[in-house]
Amino acid sequence: MDKLIISPSPHIHSGDSIERNMYGVLIALVPAFLVSLWCFGLGALIVTAVSVLACVGTEFLIQRFLFKREATIGDGSAVLTGVLLAFNLPSNLPFWIIIIGAVVAIGIGKMSFGGLGNNIFNPALVGRVFLLISFPAQMTTWPLAGEFPMTYLDAETGATTLSLLHFDGDFASFGTSAIGLTGGSIGEISEIALLIGFIYLLFRKIITWHIPVSVIGTVALFTTVMWLLMPHLGGDAATAARLYFPLTHLTSGGLMLGAVFMATDYVTSPMSRSGMIVYGVGIGIITVLIRCYGAYPEGMSFAILIMNALTPLVNTYFKPKHFGGK
């Protein structure tokens, strides 16, 4: 006689799993990682390896010795946090600073809330912003892409496109920036490689288009309107052309990395598709405001964390349709 087994929902499974999604995202990050190796060489490899090992080690130690439970580092979430944290760091960052960022990302950004599925902020961005505030000089010193591929700490440094734009300098063309031949964080320098990863994620149905497209579309629309209107509103035409040129914003900084791989985090983003669009629009607006008027040249990390905090409010007003509902 068969036994009646009572278990919680869901009772019908789609074959999806945490491991499948986490390792799927890691695969999507491979093109960007290969570009970073080509541009930054040994530095990119060292920073990524240290970040991943530190994140995995921190999660293992917290689960085993603080939570007193079996470690779940095999699900890929700690590895993904380590890679995303590394992708938001310069390739010449000292290893001890990377370890601090990893401990903050996992220990504070993730495990202090109870672990995977309970965190309210993206852990990698928590670590990145903590390091940016704590070590501003080291976090804003960028090696020149492609100049010294086999060096780590001693590479010649330069400014990013957004830094030059923000402080009235001559910046690289958007074509050069899109390919990845400019300074910047390890994983943000090639928009083309990140778009390849985006297409892969859509093909595998790991994410939907709503958040990335709403973020990128909002930045494009906002900067285009400002670029066209500023000279007619009494603003300086040269400043408007430099500060608001849409293609510069779209192909520089962490916009593509944040929109595709950070803002789409399942735990910290809204559940409904309409909520995702509102969330993405908010990220796009805040990003442009910080880039153009804030103290930091880049605003993507801060924008995502701010909207992470507003996600429960977005979920309250934009609820997913219940099963069987119209």
Protein backbone atom coordinates (compact mmCIF):
# COMPACT_ATOMS: atom_id res chain seq x y z
CA MET A 1 0.00 0.00 0.00
CA ASP A 2 1.39 3.41 -1.01
CA LYS A 3 1.99 5.90 1.75
CA LEU A 4 0.36 9.31 1.70
CA ILE A 5 3.17 11.86 1.87
CA ILE A 6 2.25 15.33 3.06
CA SER A 7 4.64 18.10 2.11
CA PRO A 8 4.54 21.89 1.69
CA SER A 9 4.06 23.50 -1.72
CA PRO A 10 5.10 23.64 -4.47
CA HIS A 11 3.83 20.22 -5.45
CA ILE A 12 4.59 20.61 -9.16
CA HIS A 13 8.20 21.47 -9.97
CA SER A 14 9.48 23.13 -13.12
CA GLY A 15 12.94 21.63 -12.86
CA ASP A 16 14.32 25.00 -11.77
CA SER A 17 16.71 25.20 -8.83
CA ILE A 18 19.00 27.57 -6.97
CA GLU A 19 22.06 25.78 -8.33
CA ARG A 20 20.84 25.93 -11.92
CA ASN A 21 20.19 29.66 -11.74
CA MET A 22 23.38 30.55 -9.88
CA TYR A 23 25.66 28.61 -12.19
CA GLY A 24 23.69 29.89 -15.17
CA VAL A 25 24.50 33.45 -14.14
CA LEU A 26 28.15 32.48 -13.68
CA ILE A 27 28.23 31.12 -17.23
CA ALA A 28 26.72 34.39 -18.48
CA LEU A 29 29.55 36.29 -16.78
CA VAL A 30 32.26 34.33 -18.62
CA PRO A 31 32.49 36.70 -21.65
CA ALA A 32 33.00 39.71 -19.37
CA PHE A 33 35.58 37.80 -17.35
CA LEU A 34 37.52 36.87 -20.49
CA VAL A 35 37.57 40.52 -21.56
CA SER A 36 38.84 41.51 -18.10
CA LEU A 37 41.66 38.96 -18.40
CA TRP A 38 42.55 40.35 -21.81
CA CYS A 39 42.57 43.94 -20.54
CA PHE A 40 43.92 43.56 -16.99
CA GLY A 41 45.60 40.15 -17.07
CA LEU A 42 47.03 38.90 -13.80
CA GLY A 43 45.33 41.56 -11.69
CA ALA A 44 41.83 40.54 -12.80
CA LEU A 45 42.58 36.88 -12.08
CA ILE A 46 44.00 37.56 -8.62
CA VAL A 47 41.18 39.89 -7.54
CA THR A 48 38.48 37.47 -8.73
CA ALA A 49 40.11 34.43 -7.14
CA VAL A 50 40.66 36.15 -3.79
CA SER A 51 37.11 37.52 -3.76
CA VAL A 52 35.52 34.14 -4.52
CA LEU A 53 37.65 32.25 -1.99
CA ALA A 54 36.99 34.87 0.71
CA CYS A 55 33.23 34.86 0.10
CA VAL A 56 32.98 31.07 0.09
CA GLY A 57 35.20 30.79 3.17
CA THR A 58 33.24 33.42 5.09
CA GLU A 59 29.91 31.74 4.35
CA PHE A 60 31.29 28.32 5.29
CA LEU A 61 32.65 29.53 8.62
CA ILE A 62 29.47 31.42 9.56
CA GLN A 63 27.21 28.49 8.73
CA ARG A 64 29.33 25.90 10.50
CA PHE A 65 30.42 27.79 13.62
CA LEU A 66 27.78 30.49 14.17
CA PHE A 67 24.62 28.97 12.71
CA LYS A 68 25.71 25.41 13.67
CA ARG A 69 24.32 23.92 10.49
CA GLU A 70 25.55 22.23 7.38
CA ALA A 71 27.25 24.57 4.92
CA THR A 72 25.47 25.21 1.62
CA ILE A 73 28.35 26.70 -0.33
CA GLY A 74 27.75 24.20 -3.12
CA ASP A 75 24.62 26.05 -4.28
CA GLY A 76 26.82 28.61 -6.05
CA SER A 77 25.42 31.72 -4.35
CA ALA A 78 28.63 32.52 -2.45
CA VAL A 79 30.71 31.97 -5.59
CA LEU A 80 28.41 34.31 -7.54
CA THR A 81 28.63 36.96 -4.81
CA GLY A 82 32.42 36.70 -4.95
CA VAL A 83 32.52 37.09 -8.73
CA LEU A 84 30.11 40.04 -8.72
CA LEU A 85 32.05 41.72 -5.93
CA ALA A 86 35.29 41.26 -7.88
CA PHE A 87 33.64 42.65 -11.01
CA ASN A 88 32.95 45.86 -9.05
CA LEU A 89 36.58 46.30 -7.95
CA PRO A 90 39.73 47.67 -9.60
CA SER A 91 42.16 45.01 -10.79
CA ASN A 92 44.98 46.44 -8.67
CA LEU A 93 43.16 46.39 -5.32
CA PRO A 94 45.29 44.92 -2.46
CA PHE A 95 44.13 41.45 -1.45
CA TRP A 96 43.48 42.40 2.20
CA ILE A 97 40.94 45.03 1.10
CA ILE A 98 39.25 42.43 -1.11
CA ILE A 99 38.94 40.09 1.88
CA ILE A 100 37.37 42.86 3.98
CA GLY A 101 34.85 43.49 1.21
CA ALA A 102 34.02 39.78 0.98
CA VAL A 103 33.50 39.48 4.75
CA VAL A 104 31.18 42.50 4.70
CA ALA A 105 29.30 41.25 1.63
CA ILE A 106 28.65 37.77 3.06
CA GLY A 107 28.70 38.45 6.80
CA ILE A 108 26.69 41.66 6.85
CA GLY A 109 24.96 41.81 3.49
CA LYS A 110 23.77 38.20 3.46
CA MET A 111 24.23 36.04 6.57
CA SER A 112 23.19 38.69 9.12
CA PHE A 113 19.70 38.49 7.61
CA GLY A 114 19.60 34.70 7.84
CA GLY A 115 21.31 33.66 4.62
CA LEU A 116 20.20 33.14 1.04
CA GLY A 117 16.66 34.30 0.40
CA ASN A 118 16.43 36.57 3.43
CA ASN A 119 18.79 39.44 2.59
CA ILE A 120 17.18 42.74 1.68
CA PHE A 121 20.21 44.23 -0.09
CA ASN A 122 22.40 42.81 -2.84
CA PRO A 123 25.37 41.38 -0.87
CA ALA A 124 28.02 42.14 -3.50
CA LEU A 125 26.95 45.78 -3.66
CA VAL A 126 26.95 46.03 0.14
CA GLY A 127 30.59 44.95 0.07
CA ARG A 128 31.43 47.26 -2.83
CA VAL A 129 29.85 50.37 -1.29
CA PHE A 130 31.46 49.62 2.08
CA LEU A 131 34.88 49.51 0.43
CA LEU A 132 34.17 52.64 -1.64
CA ILE A 133 33.34 54.61 1.50
CA SER A 134 36.12 53.09 3.62
CA PHE A 135 38.94 53.07 1.03
CA PRO A 136 38.04 55.77 -1.52
CA ALA A 137 41.57 56.24 -2.84
CA GLN A 138 42.23 52.53 -3.50
CA MET A 139 38.71 52.01 -4.90
CA THR A 140 39.06 54.81 -7.42
CA THR A 141 42.57 54.06 -8.70
CA TRP A 142 42.20 52.31 -12.04
CA PRO A 143 44.87 50.48 -14.07
CA LEU A 144 45.06 51.36 -17.74
CA ALA A 145 43.37 48.60 -19.73
CA GLY A 146 45.75 46.55 -21.86
CA GLU A 147 48.89 48.43 -20.86
CA PHE A 148 50.43 46.10 -18.27
CA PRO A 149 48.55 42.76 -18.43
CA MET A 150 50.99 40.74 -16.31
CA THR A 151 51.21 43.18 -13.40
CA TYR A 152 49.08 43.38 -10.28
CA LEU A 153 49.82 46.19 -7.81
CA ASP A 154 52.35 48.20 -9.81
CA ALA A 155 50.40 48.98 -12.99
CA GLU A 156 50.13 52.54 -14.27
CA THR A 157 46.78 54.06 -13.38
CA GLY A 158 44.31 56.40 -15.06
CA ALA A 159 40.76 57.71 -14.80
CA THR A 160 37.53 56.10 -15.96
CA THR A 161 35.33 57.59 -18.66
CA LEU A 162 32.76 58.70 -16.09
CA SER A 163 35.43 60.29 -13.91
CA LEU A 164 36.70 62.34 -16.83
CA LEU A 165 33.15 63.28 -17.79
CA HIS A 166 32.26 64.21 -14.21
CA PHE A 167 35.32 66.38 -13.71
CA ASP A 168 35.38 68.02 -17.15
CA GLY A 169 38.04 65.97 -18.86
CA ASP A 170 38.54 64.44 -22.28
CA PHE A 171 36.99 61.00 -22.35
CA ALA A 172 37.23 58.02 -24.65
CA SER A 173 34.77 57.43 -27.45
CA PHE A 174 31.75 55.29 -26.67
CA GLY A 175 32.98 52.70 -29.17
CA THR A 176 36.24 52.23 -27.30
CA SER A 177 34.35 52.13 -24.01
CA ALA A 178 31.87 49.52 -25.27
CA ILE A 179 34.67 47.20 -26.40
CA GLY A 180 36.45 47.41 -23.06
CA LEU A 181 39.59 49.45 -23.71
CA THR A 182 39.03 51.96 -20.90
CA GLY A 183 39.78 52.02 -17.20
CA GLY A 184 37.22 50.81 -14.71
CA SER A 185 36.17 47.95 -12.51
CA ILE A 186 37.02 44.44 -13.67
CA GLY A 187 33.61 43.43 -14.94
CA GLU A 188 32.13 46.68 -16.19
CA ILE A 189 34.48 47.67 -18.99
CA SER A 190 32.90 45.80 -21.92
CA GLU A 191 29.22 46.42 -22.59
CA ILE A 192 29.35 44.05 -25.57
CA ALA A 193 30.47 41.13 -23.39
CA LEU A 194 27.79 41.94 -20.82
CA LEU A 195 25.12 42.06 -23.54
CA ILE A 196 26.18 38.58 -24.65
CA GLY A 197 25.61 37.43 -21.07
CA PHE A 198 22.24 39.19 -21.04
CA ILE A 199 21.11 37.34 -24.16
CA TYR A 200 22.21 34.04 -22.60
CA LEU A 201 20.22 34.73 -19.42
CA LEU A 202 17.12 35.57 -21.44
CA PHE A 203 17.56 32.44 -23.56
CA ARG A 204 17.86 30.27 -20.45
CA LYS A 205 14.90 32.15 -18.88
CA ILE A 206 16.94 32.84 -15.75
CA ILE A 207 15.82 36.49 -15.82
CA THR A 208 13.23 38.49 -17.74
CA TRP A 209 13.82 41.62 -19.77
CA HIS A 210 11.79 43.94 -17.55
CA ILE A 211 14.42 45.23 -15.11
CA PRO A 212 17.43 45.56 -17.48
CA VAL A 213 15.42 47.19 -20.26
CA SER A 214 13.64 49.61 -17.89
CA VAL A 215 16.95 50.63 -16.28
CA ILE A 216 18.81 51.13 -19.56
CA GLY A 217 15.79 52.71 -21.26
CA THR A 218 15.30 55.19 -18.42
CA VAL A 219 18.96 56.24 -18.49
CA ALA A 220 18.78 56.65 -22.27
CA LEU A 221 15.55 58.68 -22.15
CA PHE A 222 16.54 60.83 -19.17
CA THR A 223 19.96 61.75 -20.55
CA THR A 224 18.59 62.37 -24.05
CA VAL A 225 15.96 64.79 -22.75
CA MET A 226 18.53 66.64 -20.62
CA TRP A 227 21.02 66.69 -23.50
CA LEU A 228 18.44 68.27 -25.82
CA LEU A 229 16.78 70.64 -23.37
CA MET A 230 19.66 72.01 -21.28
CA PRO A 231 20.93 74.50 -23.92
CA HIS A 232 17.35 75.82 -24.33
CA LEU A 233 16.84 76.20 -20.57
CA GLY A 234 19.76 78.54 -20.08
CA GLY A 235 22.39 75.84 -19.59
CA ASP A 236 25.77 75.84 -21.24
CA ALA A 237 25.68 73.88 -24.50
CA ALA A 238 29.20 72.53 -24.07
CA THR A 239 28.44 71.32 -20.54
CA ALA A 240 25.23 69.69 -21.70
CA ALA A 241 27.00 67.95 -24.57
CA ARG A 242 29.67 66.62 -22.21
CA LEU A 243 27.61 65.78 -19.14
CA TYR A 244 24.41 64.35 -20.64
CA PHE A 245 25.47 62.73 -23.91
CA PRO A 246 23.37 59.51 -23.87
CA LEU A 247 25.82 57.13 -25.55
CA THR A 248 28.53 58.00 -23.04
CA HIS A 249 26.24 57.06 -20.15
CA LEU A 250 25.06 53.87 -21.83
CA THR A 251 28.54 52.57 -22.62
CA SER A 252 30.41 53.67 -19.49
CA GLY A 253 30.58 52.67 -15.87
CA GLY A 254 28.59 49.93 -14.23
CA LEU A 255 25.27 50.54 -15.96
CA MET A 256 25.16 47.34 -17.98
CA LEU A 257 26.69 45.17 -15.25
CA GLY A 258 24.28 46.54 -12.66
CA ALA A 259 21.18 46.41 -14.84
CA VAL A 260 21.71 42.84 -16.05
CA PHE A 261 23.46 41.06 -13.17
CA MET A 262 22.91 43.07 -9.97
CA ALA A 263 19.46 44.65 -10.16
CA THR A 264 17.87 41.37 -11.31
CA ASP A 265 18.75 39.52 -8.10
CA TYR A 266 15.69 37.41 -7.25
CA VAL A 267 15.67 38.16 -3.53
CA THR A 268 16.07 41.93 -3.63
CA SER A 269 13.94 42.82 -6.69
CA PRO A 270 10.12 43.02 -7.00
CA MET A 271 8.00 39.97 -7.73
CA SER A 272 5.57 41.35 -10.31
CA ARG A 273 6.54 42.45 -13.79
CA SER A 274 4.92 45.86 -13.36
CA GLY A 275 6.84 46.24 -10.11
CA MET A 276 10.06 45.31 -11.91
CA ILE A 277 9.53 48.13 -14.39
CA VAL A 278 8.89 50.67 -11.62
CA TYR A 279 11.97 49.37 -9.82
CA GLY A 280 14.09 49.66 -12.96
CA VAL A 281 12.88 53.17 -13.72
CA GLY A 282 13.80 54.22 -10.19
CA ILE A 283 17.30 52.78 -10.56
CA GLY A 284 17.79 54.58 -13.88
CA ILE A 285 16.68 57.97 -12.55
CA ILE A 286 18.79 57.77 -9.38
CA THR A 287 21.83 56.62 -11.37
CA VAL A 288 21.70 59.62 -13.71
CA LEU A 289 21.11 62.06 -10.84
CA ILE A 290 24.15 60.78 -8.94
CA ARG A 291 26.32 60.68 -12.06
CA CYS A 292 25.47 64.21 -13.08
CA TYR A 293 24.97 65.99 -9.77
CA GLY A 294 26.41 63.79 -7.02
CA ALA A 295 29.85 63.60 -5.45
CA TYR A 296 30.59 60.23 -7.08
CA PRO A 297 31.08 59.79 -10.84
CA GLU A 298 29.19 56.47 -10.74
CA GLY A 299 25.79 56.01 -9.11
CA MET A 300 24.66 52.54 -10.15
CA SER A 301 25.57 50.76 -6.90
CA PHE A 302 23.88 53.36 -4.72
CA ALA A 303 20.80 53.42 -6.96
CA ILE A 304 20.33 49.64 -6.76
CA LEU A 305 20.75 49.59 -2.97
CA ILE A 306 18.23 52.43 -2.56
CA MET A 307 15.70 50.61 -4.72
CA ASN A 308 16.45 47.35 -2.85
CA ALA A 309 15.24 49.14 0.28
CA LEU A 310 12.07 50.22 -1.56
CA THR A 311 11.33 46.77 -2.98
CA PRO A 312 8.88 45.81 -0.16
CA LEU A 313 6.95 49.02 -0.86
CA VAL A 314 6.90 48.28 -4.60
CA ASN A 315 5.67 44.74 -3.85
CA THR A 316 2.86 46.19 -1.72
CA TYR A 317 1.43 48.28 -4.55
CA PHE A 318 2.37 46.06 -7.49
CA LYS A 319 1.41 42.55 -6.45
CA PRO A 320 1.65 39.58 -8.81
CA LYS A 321 -1.64 38.18 -10.03
CA HIS A 322 -2.75 35.27 -7.87
CA PHE A 323 -3.20 31.84 -9.42
CA GLY A 324 -6.48 31.72 -11.33
CA GLY A 325 -7.03 35.48 -11.04
CA LYS A 326 -7.93 37.80 -13.87
